[in-house]
C-alpha cells in the first residue's frame, strides 16, 4: 500500500491484520493513489481520500481503515498580510 508516512502510521491495525500487505511511502496521500492508478496492478493499493480516488480514477476498496476514527487532518491557508508584514490567519 502506498501513502504518506503519517497516513500509513495511522493504519497500523490494518497492517497487523493483513501481514502480507507492505507499505510504501510517497510524498502525499494523493500521490499514493496516482502511483497505483498509473500502474495497472491488482496487487497494489493507495491510502488516501475519496477525492484522490476520484481525481486519479481509483476504485475505493475499503473505507474507515484508520486506527483512530476521531483523527483527521486539518489544513490552514496562511498568507502574508498587508501592513506589518507578518502572517495572518485566514
C-alpha atoms as a PDB file:
ATOM      1  CA  UNK A   1       0.000   0.000   0.000  1.00  0.00           C
ATOM      2  CA  UNK A   2       1.259   3.442  -0.901  1.00  0.00           C
ATOM      3  CA  UNK A   3       0.621   6.651   1.018  1.00  0.00           C
ATOM      4  CA  UNK A   4       2.210   9.407   3.053  1.00  0.00           C
ATOM      5  CA  UNK A   5       4.177   8.020   6.028  1.00  0.00           C
ATOM      6  CA  UNK A   6       1.808   9.610   8.565  1.00  0.00           C
ATOM      7  CA  UNK A   7      -1.241   8.067   6.863  1.00  0.00           C
ATOM      8  CA  UNK A   8       0.471   4.679   6.827  1.00  0.00           C
ATOM      9  CA  UNK A   9       1.227   5.048  10.533  1.00  0.00           C
ATOM     10  CA  UNK A  10      -2.441   5.818  11.220  1.00  0.00           C
ATOM     11  CA  UNK A  11      -3.428   2.418   9.765  1.00  0.00           C
ATOM     12  CA  UNK A  12      -1.253   0.118  11.899  1.00  0.00           C
ATOM     13  CA  UNK A  13      -4.194  -2.124  12.844  1.00  0.00           C
ATOM     14  CA  UNK A  14      -4.865  -2.834   9.157  1.00  0.00           C
ATOM     15  CA  UNK A  15      -1.223  -3.813   8.579  1.00  0.00           C
ATOM     16  CA  UNK A  16      -1.302  -6.043  11.660  1.00  0.00           C
ATOM     17  CA  UNK A  17      -4.364  -7.891  10.293  1.00  0.00           C
ATOM     18  CA  UNK A  18      -3.010  -8.065   6.742  1.00  0.00           C
ATOM     19  CA  UNK A  19       0.561  -9.130   7.385  1.00  0.00           C
ATOM     20  CA  UNK A  20       1.128  -9.729   3.667  1.00  0.00           C
ATOM     21  CA  UNK A  21       0.465  -6.044   2.945  1.00  0.00           C
ATOM     22  CA  UNK A  22       3.606  -3.995   2.571  1.00  0.00           C
ATOM     23  CA  UNK A  23       3.863  -0.235   2.949  1.00  0.00           C
ATOM     24  CA  UNK A  24       5.443   2.167   0.506  1.00  0.00           C
ATOM     25  CA  UNK A  25       5.934   5.804   1.448  1.00  0.00           C
ATOM     26  CA  UNK A  26       5.262   8.534  -1.110  1.00  0.00           C
ATOM     27  CA  UNK A  27       5.189  12.349  -0.953  1.00  0.00           C
ATOM     28  CA  UNK A  28       1.487  12.648  -0.066  1.00  0.00           C
ATOM     29  CA  UNK A  29      -1.673  10.530   0.111  1.00  0.00           C
ATOM     30  CA  UNK A  30      -2.924  11.549  -3.326  1.00  0.00           C
ATOM     31  CA  UNK A  31       0.436  10.540  -4.801  1.00  0.00           C
ATOM     32  CA  UNK A  32      -0.174   7.024  -3.477  1.00  0.00           C
ATOM     33  CA  UNK A  33      -3.390   6.725  -5.486  1.00  0.00           C
ATOM     34  CA  UNK A  34      -1.764   8.326  -8.529  1.00  0.00           C
ATOM     35  CA  UNK A  35       1.119   5.847  -8.303  1.00  0.00           C
ATOM     36  CA  UNK A  36      -1.241   2.851  -8.146  1.00  0.00           C
ATOM     37  CA  UNK A  37      -3.607   4.143 -10.865  1.00  0.00           C
ATOM     38  CA  UNK A  38      -0.784   4.670 -13.358  1.00  0.00           C
ATOM     39  CA  UNK A  39       0.497   1.128 -12.824  1.00  0.00           C
ATOM     40  CA  UNK A  40      -2.359  -1.235 -13.556  1.00  0.00           C
ATOM     41  CA  UNK A  41      -1.545  -3.865 -10.964  1.00  0.00           C
ATOM     42  CA  UNK A  42      -4.231  -5.656  -8.976  1.00  0.00           C
ATOM     43  CA  UNK A  43      -1.883  -6.229  -6.048  1.00  0.00           C
ATOM     44  CA  UNK A  44      -1.299  -2.545  -5.214  1.00  0.00           C
ATOM     45  CA  UNK A  45      -3.392  -0.051  -3.286  1.00  0.00           C
ATOM     46  CA  UNK A  46      -3.178   3.516  -2.065  1.00  0.00           C
ATOM     47  CA  UNK A  47      -4.422   5.018   1.184  1.00  0.00           C
ATOM     48  CA  UNK A  48      -5.983   8.406   0.511  1.00  0.00           C
ATOM     49  CA  UNK A  49      -9.191  10.430   0.373  1.00  0.00           C
ATOM     50  CA  UNK A  50     -12.285   9.846  -1.739  1.00  0.00           C
ATOM     51  CA  UNK A  51     -11.304  12.965  -3.670  1.00  0.00           C
ATOM     52  CA  UNK A  52      -7.931  11.453  -4.628  1.00  0.00           C
ATOM     53  CA  UNK A  53      -9.705   8.300  -5.807  1.00  0.00           C
ATOM     54  CA  UNK A  54     -11.995  10.410  -7.984  1.00  0.00           C
ATOM     55  CA  UNK A  55      -9.203  12.579  -9.419  1.00  0.00           C
ATOM     56  CA  UNK A  56      -6.994   9.598 -10.316  1.00  0.00           C
ATOM     57  CA  UNK A  57      -9.826   7.217 -11.298  1.00  0.00           C
ATOM     58  CA  UNK A  58      -9.135   4.868  -8.415  1.00  0.00           C
ATOM     59  CA  UNK A  59     -11.566   2.284  -7.091  1.00  0.00           C
ATOM     60  CA  UNK A  60     -12.363   2.517  -3.369  1.00  0.00           C
ATOM     61  CA  UNK A  61     -11.816  -0.914  -1.860  1.00  0.00           C
ATOM     62  CA  UNK A  62     -12.447  -0.163   1.818  1.00  0.00           C
ATOM     63  CA  UNK A  63     -13.211   2.883   3.955  1.00  0.00           C
ATOM     64  CA  UNK A  64     -12.636   3.603   7.623  1.00  0.00           C
ATOM     65  CA  UNK A  65      -9.259   1.861   7.867  1.00  0.00           C
ATOM     66  CA  UNK A  66      -7.722   4.405  10.240  1.00  0.00           C
ATOM     67  CA  UNK A  67      -6.912   3.278  13.781  1.00  0.00           C
ATOM     68  CA  UNK A  68      -8.487   6.325  15.467  1.00  0.00           C
ATOM     69  CA  UNK A  69     -11.828   7.372  13.944  1.00  0.00           C
ATOM     70  CA  UNK A  70     -11.567  10.816  15.609  1.00  0.00           C
ATOM     71  CA  UNK A  71      -8.219  11.576  13.969  1.00  0.00           C
ATOM     72  CA  UNK A  72      -8.322  13.738  10.862  1.00  0.00           C
ATOM     73  CA  UNK A  73      -6.042  16.133   9.044  1.00  0.00           C
ATOM     74  CA  UNK A  74      -6.598  19.860   9.318  1.00  0.00           C
ATOM     75  CA  UNK A  75      -5.330  22.292   6.697  1.00  0.00           C
ATOM     76  CA  UNK A  76      -4.774  26.005   7.116  1.00  0.00           C
ATOM     77  CA  UNK A  77      -4.049  28.570   4.443  1.00  0.00           C
ATOM     78  CA  UNK A  78      -1.656  31.254   5.602  1.00  0.00           C
ATOM     79  CA  UNK A  79      -0.721  34.266   3.573  1.00  0.00           C
ATOM     80  CA  UNK A  80       1.350  37.314   4.256  1.00  0.00           C
ATOM     81  CA  UNK A  81      -0.850  40.198   5.387  1.00  0.00           C
ATOM     82  CA  UNK A  82      -0.679  43.870   4.492  1.00  0.00           C
ATOM     83  CA  UNK A  83       0.874  46.400   6.841  1.00  0.00           C
ATOM     84  CA  UNK A  84       3.208  44.958   9.455  1.00  0.00           C
ATOM     85  CA  UNK A  85       4.495  42.316   7.039  1.00  0.00           C
ATOM     86  CA  UNK A  86       3.571  39.438   9.334  1.00  0.00           C
ATOM     87  CA  UNK A  87       1.500  36.387   8.555  1.00  0.00           C
ATOM     88  CA  UNK A  88      -2.195  36.372   9.388  1.00  0.00           C
ATOM     89  CA  UNK A  89      -4.773  33.612   9.703  1.00  0.00           C
ATOM     90  CA  UNK A  90      -7.492  33.399   7.093  1.00  0.00           C
END
